Amino acid sequence: MATLVLAVGADIVIELAAHGRLRRNSVVGIRTQRVRQTNATWVRGHAAAVWPARATAMLVTAIGVWAVAVESPQLSVVLTAAGVVALFLGTGTAALVASRSVRRVRR
């Protein structure tokens, strides 16, 4: 369930930053050097990362519900591990998309 909370929390943070409701800071948000350069790159990068973050939150939620619903403890552990992997891959993808979107704008 912790992965579910992290995935949904990341989605919320990215959405807030994408709409300018979360200012550039040193605590939460996408932490790449390119995204953090200016307020404009902060918003642009987070806006580009909204869909990868949303897809990650939905996938991790589905895996989490499935992990709770199964009767097999072994399958539940495997699904939980799959949720952790999905969280890392999804947040990494969101950060990559954000950085690339900012790079394209700066050229």
PDB file of N, CA and C in Angstrom:
ATOM      1  N   MET A   1       0.808  -1.210   0.000  1.00  0.00           N
ATOM      2  CA  MET A   1       0.000   0.000   0.000  1.00  0.00           C
ATOM      3  C   MET A   1       0.849   1.271   0.000  1.00  0.00           C
ATOM      4  N   ALA A   2       2.062   1.159   0.504  1.00  0.00           N
ATOM      5  CA  ALA A   2       2.934   2.337   0.492  1.00  0.00           C
ATOM      6  C   ALA A   2       3.237   2.773  -0.939  1.00  0.00           C
ATOM      7  N   THR A   3       3.388   1.799  -1.837  1.00  0.00           N
ATOM      8  CA  THR A   3       3.640   2.160  -3.237  1.00  0.00           C
ATOM      9  C   THR A   3       2.453   2.911  -3.824  1.00  0.00           C
ATOM     10  N   LEU A   4       1.262   2.520  -3.437  1.00  0.00           N
ATOM     11  CA  LEU A   4       0.054   3.198  -3.906  1.00  0.00           C
ATOM     12  C   LEU A   4       0.045   4.650  -3.439  1.00  0.00           C
ATOM     13  N   VAL A   5       0.355   4.868  -2.181  1.00  0.00           N
ATOM     14  CA  VAL A   5       0.387   6.226  -1.625  1.00  0.00           C
ATOM     15  C   VAL A   5       1.451   7.066  -2.329  1.00  0.00           C
ATOM     16  N   LEU A   6       2.621   6.479  -2.563  1.00  0.00           N
ATOM     17  CA  LEU A   6       3.689   7.205  -3.248  1.00  0.00           C
ATOM     18  C   LEU A   6       3.317   7.550  -4.685  1.00  0.00           C
ATOM     19  N   ALA A   7       2.708   6.606  -5.393  1.00  0.00           N
ATOM     20  CA  ALA A   7       2.328   6.846  -6.790  1.00  0.00           C
ATOM     21  C   ALA A   7       1.279   7.941  -6.903  1.00  0.00           C
ATOM     22  N   VAL A   8       0.268   7.872  -6.072  1.00  0.00           N
ATOM     23  CA  VAL A   8      -0.795   8.885  -6.107  1.00  0.00           C
ATOM     24  C   VAL A   8      -0.243  10.234  -5.630  1.00  0.00           C
ATOM     25  N   GLY A   9       0.607  10.205  -4.613  1.00  0.00           N
ATOM     26  CA  GLY A   9       1.223  11.443  -4.131  1.00  0.00           C
ATOM     27  C   GLY A   9       2.076  12.107  -5.196  1.00  0.00           C
ATOM     28  N   ALA A  10       2.869  11.317  -5.923  1.00  0.00           N
ATOM     29  CA  ALA A  10       3.692  11.865  -7.006  1.00  0.00           C
ATOM     30  C   ALA A  10       2.813  12.458  -8.099  1.00  0.00           C
ATOM     31  N   ASP A  11       1.729  11.773  -8.415  1.00  0.00           N
ATOM     32  CA  ASP A  11       0.806  12.284  -9.431  1.00  0.00           C
ATOM     33  C   ASP A  11       0.225  13.633  -9.009  1.00  0.00           C
ATOM     34  N   ILE A  12      -0.156  13.756  -7.773  1.00  0.00           N
ATOM     35  CA  ILE A  12      -0.729  15.010  -7.261  1.00  0.00           C
ATOM     36  C   ILE A  12       0.311  16.135  -7.301  1.00  0.00           C
ATOM     37  N   VAL A  13       1.529  15.845  -6.861  1.00  0.00           N
ATOM     38  CA  VAL A  13       2.594  16.858  -6.858  1.00  0.00           C
ATOM     39  C   VAL A  13       2.876  17.335  -8.280  1.00  0.00           C
ATOM     40  N   ILE A  14       2.976  16.397  -9.228  1.00  0.00           N
ATOM     41  CA  ILE A  14       3.257  16.766 -10.618  1.00  0.00           C
ATOM     42  C   ILE A  14       2.115  17.599 -11.193  1.00  0.00           C
ATOM     43  N   GLU A  15       0.899  17.215 -10.885  1.00  0.00           N
ATOM     44  CA  GLU A  15      -0.263  17.977 -11.369  1.00  0.00           C
ATOM     45  C   GLU A  15      -0.255  19.400 -10.803  1.00  0.00           C
ATOM     46  N   LEU A  16       0.025  19.541  -9.525  1.00  0.00           N
ATOM     47  CA  LEU A  16       0.069  20.877  -8.910  1.00  0.00           C
ATOM     48  C   LEU A  16       1.168  21.737  -9.534  1.00  0.00           C
ATOM     49  N   ALA A  17       2.340  21.163  -9.729  1.00  0.00           N
ATOM     50  CA  ALA A  17       3.448  21.922 -10.325  1.00  0.00           C
ATOM     51  C   ALA A  17       3.148  22.282 -11.775  1.00  0.00           C
ATOM     52  N   ALA A  18       2.497  21.381 -12.493  1.00  0.00           N
ATOM     53  CA  ALA A  18       2.172  21.632 -13.899  1.00  0.00           C
ATOM     54  C   ALA A  18       1.208  22.802 -14.066  1.00  0.00           C
ATOM     55  N   HIS A  19       0.380  23.028 -13.060  1.00  0.00           N
ATOM     56  CA  HIS A  19      -0.582  24.128 -13.129  1.00  0.00           C
ATOM     57  C   HIS A  19      -0.125  25.366 -12.360  1.00  0.00           C
ATOM     58  N   GLY A  20       1.141  25.385 -11.962  1.00  0.00           N
ATOM     59  CA  GLY A  20       1.700  26.545 -11.280  1.00  0.00           C
ATOM     60  C   GLY A  20       1.271  26.699  -9.840  1.00  0.00           C
ATOM     61  N   ARG A  21       0.679  25.684  -9.257  1.00  0.00           N
ATOM     62  CA  ARG A  21       0.220  25.768  -7.864  1.00  0.00           C
ATOM     63  C   ARG A  21       1.286  25.306  -6.870  1.00  0.00           C
ATOM     64  N   LEU A  22       2.349  24.719  -7.389  1.00  0.00           N
ATOM     65  CA  LEU A  22       3.482  24.311  -6.553  1.00  0.00           C
ATOM     66  C   LEU A  22       4.726  24.953  -7.143  1.00  0.00           C
ATOM     67  N   ARG A  23       5.283  25.882  -6.408  1.00  0.00           N
ATOM     68  CA  ARG A  23       6.437  26.613  -6.906  1.00  0.00           C
ATOM     69  C   ARG A  23       7.689  25.748  -6.890  1.00  0.00           C
ATOM     70  N   ARG A  24       8.656  26.174  -7.667  1.00  0.00           N
ATOM     71  CA  ARG A  24       9.955  25.509  -7.706  1.00  0.00           C
ATOM     72  C   ARG A  24      10.512  25.489  -6.291  1.00  0.00           C
ATOM     73  N   ASN A  25      10.988  24.331  -5.865  1.00  0.00           N
ATOM     74  CA  ASN A  25      11.471  24.174  -4.496  1.00  0.00           C
ATOM     75  C   ASN A  25      12.518  23.080  -4.437  1.00  0.00           C
ATOM     76  N   SER A  26      13.079  22.864  -3.266  1.00  0.00           N
ATOM     77  CA  SER A  26      14.126  21.856  -3.105  1.00  0.00           C
ATOM     78  C   SER A  26      13.629  20.616  -2.370  1.00  0.00           C
ATOM     79  N   VAL A  27      12.314  20.459  -2.250  1.00  0.00           N
ATOM     80  CA  VAL A  27      11.784  19.342  -1.473  1.00  0.00           C
ATOM     81  C   VAL A  27      10.998  18.356  -2.327  1.00  0.00           C
ATOM     82  N   VAL A  28       9.995  18.813  -3.056  1.00  0.00           N
ATOM     83  CA  VAL A  28       9.151  17.907  -3.840  1.00  0.00           C
ATOM     84  C   VAL A  28       9.070  18.361  -5.290  1.00  0.00           C
ATOM     85  N   GLY A  29       8.778  17.414  -6.154  1.00  0.00           N
ATOM     86  CA  GLY A  29       8.671  17.678  -7.577  1.00  0.00           C
ATOM     87  C   GLY A  29       9.742  16.911  -8.327  1.00  0.00           C
ATOM     88  N   ILE A  30       9.797  17.117  -9.621  1.00  0.00           N
ATOM     89  CA  ILE A  30      10.800  16.448 -10.436  1.00  0.00           C
ATOM     90  C   ILE A  30      12.129  17.147 -10.209  1.00  0.00           C
ATOM     91  N   ARG A  31      13.131  16.387  -9.804  1.00  0.00           N
ATOM     92  CA  ARG A  31      14.367  16.956  -9.294  1.00  0.00           C
ATOM     93  C   ARG A  31      15.506  17.007 -10.311  1.00  0.00           C
ATOM     94  N   THR A  32      15.246  17.021 -11.592  1.00  0.00           N
ATOM     95  CA  THR A  32      16.340  17.089 -12.555  1.00  0.00           C
ATOM     96  C   THR A  32      16.843  18.526 -12.671  1.00  0.00           C
ATOM     97  N   GLN A  33      18.105  18.649 -13.056  1.00  0.00           N
ATOM     98  CA  GLN A  33      18.712  19.974 -13.175  1.00  0.00           C
ATOM     99  C   GLN A  33      17.988  20.819 -14.219  1.00  0.00           C
ATOM    100  N   ARG A  34      17.630  20.213 -15.331  1.00  0.00           N
ATOM    101  CA  ARG A  34      16.953  20.961 -16.400  1.00  0.00           C
ATOM    102  C   ARG A  34      15.601  21.491 -15.956  1.00  0.00           C
ATOM    103  N   VAL A  35      14.841  20.670 -15.269  1.00  0.00           N
ATOM    104  CA  VAL A  35      13.490  21.072 -14.851  1.00  0.00           C
ATOM    105  C   VAL A  35      13.562  22.174 -13.788  1.00  0.00           C
ATOM    106  N   ARG A  36      14.561  22.137 -12.954  1.00  0.00           N
ATOM    107  CA  ARG A  36      14.665  23.103 -11.859  1.00  0.00           C
ATOM    108  C   ARG A  36      15.308  24.429 -12.263  1.00  0.00           C
ATOM    109  N   GLN A  37      15.728  24.604 -13.509  1.00  0.00           N
ATOM    110  CA  GLN A  37      16.467  25.803 -13.907  1.00  0.00           C
ATOM    111  C   GLN A  37      15.705  27.098 -13.694  1.00  0.00           C
ATOM    112  N   THR A  38      14.478  27.181 -14.173  1.00  0.00           N
ATOM    113  CA  THR A  38      13.683  28.408 -14.055  1.00  0.00           C
ATOM    114  C   THR A  38      12.252  28.030 -13.683  1.00  0.00           C
ATOM    115  N   ASN A  39      11.463  29.030 -13.362  1.00  0.00           N
ATOM    116  CA  ASN A  39      10.050  28.758 -13.086  1.00  0.00           C
ATOM    117  C   ASN A  39       9.337  28.230 -14.330  1.00  0.00           C
ATOM    118  N   ALA A  40       9.720  28.743 -15.489  1.00  0.00           N
ATOM    119  CA  ALA A  40       9.091  28.295 -16.742  1.00  0.00           C
ATOM    120  C   ALA A  40       9.428  26.835 -17.042  1.00  0.00           C
ATOM    121  N   THR A  41      10.695  26.447 -16.831  1.00  0.00           N
ATOM    122  CA  THR A  41      11.060  25.049 -17.081  1.00  0.00           C
ATOM    123  C   THR A  41      10.428  24.127 -16.053  1.00  0.00           C
ATOM    124  N   TRP A  42      10.252  24.621 -14.845  1.00  0.00           N
ATOM    125  CA  TRP A  42       9.596  23.847 -13.785  1.00  0.00           C
ATOM    126  C   TRP A  42       8.162  23.492 -14.204  1.00  0.00           C
ATOM    127  N   VAL A  43       7.423  24.486 -14.638  1.00  0.00           N
ATOM    128  CA  VAL A  43       6.031  24.260 -15.040  1.00  0.00           C
ATOM    129  C   VAL A  43       5.972  23.419 -16.313  1.00  0.00           C
ATOM    130  N   ARG A  44       6.791  23.758 -17.297  1.00  0.00           N
ATOM    131  CA  ARG A  44       6.785  23.032 -18.573  1.00  0.00           C
ATOM    132  C   ARG A  44       7.151  21.555 -18.379  1.00  0.00           C
ATOM    133  N   GLY A  45       8.178  21.286 -17.608  1.00  0.00           N
ATOM    134  CA  GLY A  45       8.595  19.909 -17.370  1.00  0.00           C
ATOM    135  C   GLY A  45       7.532  19.098 -16.658  1.00  0.00           C
ATOM    136  N   HIS A  46       6.931  19.673 -15.639  1.00  0.00           N
ATOM    137  CA  HIS A  46       5.878  18.966 -14.913  1.00  0.00           C
ATOM    138  C   HIS A  46       4.635  18.765 -15.778  1.00  0.00           C
ATOM    139  N   ALA A  47       4.340  19.742 -16.631  1.00  0.00           N
ATOM    140  CA  ALA A  47       3.192  19.585 -17.529  1.00  0.00           C
ATOM    141  C   ALA A  47       3.411  18.404 -18.474  1.00  0.00           C
ATOM    142  N   ALA A  48       4.627  18.240 -18.948  1.00  0.00           N
ATOM    143  CA  ALA A  48       4.927  17.117 -19.840  1.00  0.00           C
ATOM    144  C   ALA A  48       4.863  15.780 -19.106  1.00  0.00           C
ATOM    145  N   ALA A  49       5.105  15.794 -17.807  1.00  0.00           N
ATOM    146  CA  ALA A  49       5.143  14.556 -17.025  1.00  0.00           C
ATOM    147  C   ALA A  49       3.789  14.136 -16.451  1.00  0.00           C
ATOM    148  N   VAL A  50       2.752  14.923 -16.683  1.00  0.00           N
ATOM    149  CA  VAL A  50       1.442  14.612 -16.104  1.00  0.00           C
ATOM    150  C   VAL A  50       0.949  13.234 -16.535  1.00  0.00           C
ATOM    151  N   TRP A  51       0.969  12.949 -17.839  1.00  0.00           N
ATOM    152  CA  TRP A  51       0.409  11.671 -18.300  1.00  0.00           C
ATOM    153  C   TRP A  51       1.235  10.465 -17.874  1.00  0.00           C
ATOM    154  N   PRO A  52       2.569  10.503 -17.927  1.00  0.00           N
ATOM    155  CA  PRO A  52       3.314   9.356 -17.392  1.00  0.00           C
ATOM    156  C   PRO A  52       3.055   9.138 -15.898  1.00  0.00           C
ATOM    157  N   ALA A  53       2.944  10.221 -15.154  1.00  0.00           N
ATOM    158  CA  ALA A  53       2.669  10.092 -13.722  1.00  0.00           C
ATOM    159  C   ALA A  53       1.268   9.547 -13.477  1.00  0.00           C
ATOM    160  N   ARG A  54       0.302  10.004 -14.255  1.00  0.00           N
ATOM    161  CA  ARG A  54      -1.077   9.528 -14.114  1.00  0.00           C
ATOM    162  C   ARG A  54      -1.177   8.049 -14.453  1.00  0.00           C
ATOM    163  N   ALA A  55      -0.523   7.644 -15.553  1.00  0.00           N
ATOM    164  CA  ALA A  55      -0.534   6.230 -15.954  1.00  0.00           C
ATOM    165  C   ALA A  55       0.125   5.368 -14.880  1.00  0.00           C
ATOM    166  N   THR A  56       1.204   5.859 -14.299  1.00  0.00           N
ATOM    167  CA  THR A  56       1.875   5.125 -13.227  1.00  0.00           C
ATOM    168  C   THR A  56       0.961   4.964 -12.022  1.00  0.00           C
ATOM    169  N   ALA A  57       0.295   6.038 -11.634  1.00  0.00           N
ATOM    170  CA  ALA A  57      -0.619   5.971 -10.481  1.00  0.00           C
ATOM    171  C   ALA A  57      -1.750   4.979 -10.737  1.00  0.00           C
ATOM    172  N   MET A  58      -2.293   4.981 -11.949  1.00  0.00           N
ATOM    173  CA  MET A  58      -3.383   4.046 -12.260  1.00  0.00           C
ATOM    174  C   MET A  58      -2.885   2.600 -12.260  1.00  0.00           C
ATOM    175  N   LEU A  59      -1.710   2.365 -12.839  1.00  0.00           N
ATOM    176  CA  LEU A  59      -1.160   1.008 -12.885  1.00  0.00           C
ATOM    177  C   LEU A  59      -0.836   0.498 -11.484  1.00  0.00           C
ATOM    178  N   VAL A  60      -0.188   1.326 -10.689  1.00  0.00           N
ATOM    179  CA  VAL A  60       0.172   0.913  -9.326  1.00  0.00           C
ATOM    180  C   VAL A  60      -1.087   0.698  -8.478  1.00  0.00           C
ATOM    181  N   THR A  61      -2.107   1.509  -8.691  1.00  0.00           N
ATOM    182  CA  THR A  61      -3.378   1.317  -7.983  1.00  0.00           C
ATOM    183  C   THR A  61      -4.002  -0.023  -8.354  1.00  0.00           C
ATOM    184  N   ALA A  62      -4.029  -0.333  -9.633  1.00  0.00           N
ATOM    185  CA  ALA A  62      -4.604  -1.611 -10.077  1.00  0.00           C
ATOM    186  C   ALA A  62      -3.823  -2.787  -9.508  1.00  0.00           C
ATOM    187  N   ILE A  63      -2.504  -2.705  -9.543  1.00  0.00           N
ATOM    188  CA  ILE A  63      -1.681  -3.782  -8.983  1.00  0.00           C
ATOM    189  C   ILE A  63      -1.911  -3.899  -7.483  1.00  0.00           C
ATOM    190  N   GLY A  64      -2.014  -2.764  -6.793  1.00  0.00           N
ATOM    191  CA  GLY A  64      -2.241  -2.787  -5.343  1.00  0.00           C
ATOM    192  C   GLY A  64      -3.572  -3.398  -4.967  1.00  0.00           C
ATOM    193  N   VAL A  65      -4.612  -3.060  -5.699  1.00  0.00           N
ATOM    194  CA  VAL A  65      -5.933  -3.647  -5.433  1.00  0.00           C
ATOM    195  C   VAL A  65      -5.892  -5.145  -5.688  1.00  0.00           C
ATOM    196  N   TRP A  66      -5.242  -5.532  -6.763  1.00  0.00           N
ATOM    197  CA  TRP A  66      -5.124  -6.953  -7.085  1.00  0.00           C
ATOM    198  C   TRP A  66      -4.338  -7.692  -5.995  1.00  0.00           C
ATOM    199  N   ALA A  67      -3.252  -7.079  -5.496  1.00  0.00           N
ATOM    200  CA  ALA A  67      -2.434  -7.703  -4.456  1.00  0.00           C
ATOM    201  C   ALA A  67      -3.221  -7.916  -3.171  1.00  0.00           C
ATOM    202  N   VAL A  68      -4.116  -7.007  -2.862  1.00  0.00           N
ATOM    203  CA  VAL A  68      -4.944  -7.147  -1.655  1.00  0.00           C
ATOM    204  C   VAL A  68      -6.054  -8.175  -1.861  1.00  0.00           C
ATOM    205  N   ALA A  69      -6.556  -8.250  -3.093  1.00  0.00           N
ATOM    206  CA  ALA A  69      -7.714  -9.107  -3.375  1.00  0.00           C
ATOM    207  C   ALA A  69      -7.374 -10.588  -3.516  1.00  0.00           C
ATOM    208  N   VAL A  70      -6.141 -10.907  -3.883  1.00  0.00           N
ATOM    209  CA  VAL A  70      -5.801 -12.322  -4.090  1.00  0.00           C
ATOM    210  C   VAL A  70      -5.713 -13.053  -2.765  1.00  0.00           C
ATOM    211  N   GLU A  71      -6.004 -14.342  -2.810  1.00  0.00           N
ATOM    212  CA  GLU A  71      -5.964 -15.145  -1.589  1.00  0.00           C
ATOM    213  C   GLU A  71      -4.590 -15.745  -1.333  1.00  0.00           C
ATOM    214  N   SER A  72      -3.773 -15.824  -2.349  1.00  0.00           N
ATOM    215  CA  SER A  72      -2.447 -16.423  -2.226  1.00  0.00           C
ATOM    216  C   SER A  72      -1.441 -15.410  -1.676  1.00  0.00           C
ATOM    217  N   PRO A  73      -0.850 -15.688  -0.513  1.00  0.00           N
ATOM    218  CA  PRO A  73       0.155 -14.764   0.031  1.00  0.00           C
ATOM    219  C   PRO A  73       1.364 -14.620  -0.893  1.00  0.00           C
ATOM    220  N   GLN A  74       1.737 -15.704  -1.566  1.00  0.00           N
ATOM    221  CA  GLN A  74       2.886 -15.646  -2.463  1.00  0.00           C
ATOM    222  C   GLN A  74       2.601 -14.711  -3.651  1.00  0.00           C
ATOM    223  N   LEU A  75       1.426 -14.848  -4.230  1.00  0.00           N
ATOM    224  CA  LEU A  75       1.054 -13.984  -5.347  1.00  0.00           C
ATOM    225  C   LEU A  75       0.949 -12.533  -4.888  1.00  0.00           C
ATOM    226  N   SER A  76       0.483 -12.326  -3.697  1.00  0.00           N
ATOM    227  CA  SER A  76       0.385 -10.970  -3.151  1.00  0.00           C
ATOM    228  C   SER A  76       1.769 -10.326  -3.044  1.00  0.00           C
ATOM    229  N   VAL A  77       2.754 -11.097  -2.622  1.00  0.00           N
ATOM    230  CA  VAL A  77       4.129 -10.586  -2.513  1.00  0.00           C
ATOM    231  C   VAL A  77       4.679 -10.258  -3.898  1.00  0.00           C
ATOM    232  N   VAL A  78       4.432 -11.138  -4.860  1.00  0.00           N
ATOM    233  CA  VAL A  78       4.894 -10.906  -6.231  1.00  0.00           C
ATOM    234  C   VAL A  78       4.244  -9.649  -6.802  1.00  0.00           C
ATOM    235  N   LEU A  79       2.945  -9.483  -6.571  1.00  0.00           N
ATOM    236  CA  LEU A  79       2.252  -8.306  -7.082  1.00  0.00           C
ATOM    237  C   LEU A  79       2.747  -7.029  -6.408  1.00  0.00           C
ATOM    238  N   THR A  80       3.029  -7.106  -5.131  1.00  0.00           N
ATOM    239  CA  THR A  80       3.567  -5.949  -4.426  1.00  0.00           C
ATOM    240  C   THR A  80       4.920  -5.555  -5.005  1.00  0.00           C
ATOM    241  N   ALA A  81       5.761  -6.545  -5.277  1.00  0.00           N
ATOM    242  CA  ALA A  81       7.059  -6.273  -5.893  1.00  0.00           C
ATOM    243  C   ALA A  81       6.870  -5.664  -7.287  1.00  0.00           C
ATOM    244  N   ALA A  82       5.901  -6.169  -8.030  1.00  0.00           N
ATOM    245  CA  ALA A  82       5.610  -5.616  -9.353  1.00  0.00           C
ATOM    246  C   ALA A  82       5.159  -4.161  -9.239  1.00  0.00           C
ATOM    247  N   GLY A  83       4.400  -3.848  -8.204  1.00  0.00           N
ATOM    248  CA  GLY A  83       3.974  -2.472  -7.970  1.00  0.00           C
ATOM    249  C   GLY A  83       5.147  -1.550  -7.694  1.00  0.00           C
ATOM    250  N   VAL A  84       6.123  -2.033  -6.936  1.00  0.00           N
ATOM    251  CA  VAL A  84       7.324  -1.235  -6.641  1.00  0.00           C
ATOM    252  C   VAL A  84       8.110  -0.985  -7.929  1.00  0.00           C
ATOM    253  N   VAL A  85       8.273  -2.032  -8.730  1.00  0.00           N
ATOM    254  CA  VAL A  85       8.982  -1.886 -10.011  1.00  0.00           C
ATOM    255  C   VAL A  85       8.243  -0.894 -10.913  1.00  0.00           C
ATOM    256  N   ALA A  86       6.928  -1.025 -10.991  1.00  0.00           N
ATOM    257  CA  ALA A  86       6.129  -0.108 -11.814  1.00  0.00           C
ATOM    258  C   ALA A  86       6.280   1.333 -11.322  1.00  0.00           C
ATOM    259  N   LEU A  87       6.326   1.523 -10.022  1.00  0.00           N
ATOM    260  CA  LEU A  87       6.497   2.866  -9.453  1.00  0.00           C
ATOM    261  C   LEU A  87       7.837   3.468  -9.866  1.00  0.00           C
ATOM    262  N   PHE A  88       8.909   2.697  -9.730  1.00  0.00           N
ATOM    263  CA  PHE A  88      10.231   3.207 -10.103  1.00  0.00           C
ATOM    264  C   PHE A  88      10.326   3.495 -11.600  1.00  0.00           C
ATOM    265  N   LEU A  89       9.852   2.578 -12.412  1.00  0.00           N
ATOM    266  CA  LEU A  89       9.902   2.790 -13.861  1.00  0.00           C
ATOM    267  C   LEU A  89       9.029   3.966 -14.286  1.00  0.00           C
ATOM    268  N   GLY A  90       7.850   4.077 -13.690  1.00  0.00           N
ATOM    269  CA  GLY A  90       6.935   5.154 -14.048  1.00  0.00           C
ATOM    270  C   GLY A  90       7.445   6.525 -13.643  1.00  0.00           C
ATOM    271  N   THR A  91       7.982   6.638 -12.433  1.00  0.00           N
ATOM    272  CA  THR A  91       8.495   7.939 -12.004  1.00  0.00           C
ATOM    273  C   THR A  91       9.764   8.298 -12.776  1.00  0.00           C
ATOM    274  N   GLY A  92      10.566   7.295 -13.101  1.00  0.00           N
ATOM    275  CA  GLY A  92      11.743   7.545 -13.932  1.00  0.00           C
ATOM    276  C   GLY A  92      11.355   8.025 -15.318  1.00  0.00           C
ATOM    277  N   THR A  93      10.327   7.408 -15.881  1.00  0.00           N
ATOM    278  CA  THR A  93       9.832   7.824 -17.187  1.00  0.00           C
ATOM    279  C   THR A  93       9.300   9.254 -17.135  1.00  0.00           C
ATOM    280  N   ALA A  94       8.559   9.580 -16.095  1.00  0.00           N
ATOM    281  CA  ALA A  94       8.023  10.940 -15.948  1.00  0.00           C
ATOM    282  C   ALA A  94       9.162  11.959 -15.878  1.00  0.00           C
ATOM    283  N   ALA A  95      10.213  11.647 -15.129  1.00  0.00           N
ATOM    284  CA  ALA A  95      11.350  12.561 -15.025  1.00  0.00           C
ATOM    285  C   ALA A  95      12.073  12.702 -16.363  1.00  0.00           C
ATOM    286  N   LEU A  96      12.215  11.605 -17.090  1.00  0.00           N
ATOM    287  CA  LEU A  96      12.860  11.652 -18.401  1.00  0.00           C
ATOM    288  C   LEU A  96      12.048  12.492 -19.391  1.00  0.00           C
ATOM    289  N   VAL A  97      10.740  12.277 -19.415  1.00  0.00           N
ATOM    290  CA  VAL A  97       9.855  13.051 -20.295  1.00  0.00           C
ATOM    291  C   VAL A  97       9.931  14.542 -19.940  1.00  0.00           C
ATOM    292  N   ALA A  98       9.937  14.847 -18.654  1.00  0.00           N
ATOM    293  CA  ALA A  98      10.011  16.242 -18.209  1.00  0.00           C
ATOM    294  C   ALA A  98      11.314  16.894 -18.670  1.00  0.00           C
ATOM    295  N   SER A  99      12.424  16.209 -18.469  1.00  0.00           N
ATOM    296  CA  SER A  99      13.723  16.764 -18.859  1.00  0.00           C
ATOM    297  C   SER A  99      13.826  16.956 -20.364  1.00  0.00           C
ATOM    298  N   ARG A 100      13.338  15.989 -21.111  1.00  0.00           N
ATOM    299  CA  ARG A 100      13.398  16.111 -22.571  1.00  0.00           C
ATOM    300  C   ARG A 100      12.513  17.243 -23.079  1.00  0.00           C
ATOM    301  N   SER A 101      11.380  17.440 -22.465  1.00  0.00           N
ATOM    302  CA  SER A 101      10.485  18.516 -22.920  1.00  0.00           C
ATOM    303  C   SER A 101      11.114  19.878 -22.682  1.00  0.00           C
ATOM    304  N   VAL A 102      11.829  20.022 -21.610  1.00  0.00           N
ATOM    305  CA  VAL A 102      12.498  21.294 -21.301  1.00  0.00           C
ATOM    306  C   VAL A 102      13.666  21.510 -22.248  1.00  0.00           C
ATOM    307  N   ARG A 103      14.386  20.462 -22.579  1.00  0.00           N
ATOM    308  CA  ARG A 103      15.525  20.574 -23.497  1.00  0.00           C
ATOM    309  C   ARG A 103      15.060  21.046 -24.873  1.00  0.00           C
ATOM    310  N   ARG A 104      13.935  20.509 -25.325  1.00  0.00           N
ATOM    311  CA  ARG A 104      13.405  20.896 -26.638  1.00  0.00           C
ATOM    312  C   ARG A 104      12.993  22.360 -26.653  1.00  0.00           C
ATOM    313  N   VAL A 105      12.484  22.862 -25.568  1.00  0.00           N
ATOM    314  CA  VAL A 105      12.026  24.255 -25.502  1.00  0.00           C
ATOM    315  C   VAL A 105      13.205  25.202 -25.497  1.00  0.00           C
ATOM    316  N   ARG A 106      14.280  24.851 -24.829  1.00  0.00           N
ATOM    317  CA  ARG A 106      15.420  25.743 -24.692  1.00  0.00           C
ATOM    318  C   ARG A 106      16.207  25.904 -25.971  1.00  0.00           C
ATOM    319  N   ARG A 107      16.144  24.957 -26.905  1.00  0.00           N
ATOM    320  CA  ARG A 107      16.945  25.032 -28.139  1.00  0.00           C
ATOM    321  C   ARG A 107      16.517  26.121 -29.055  1.00  0.00           C
TER     322      ARG A 107
END
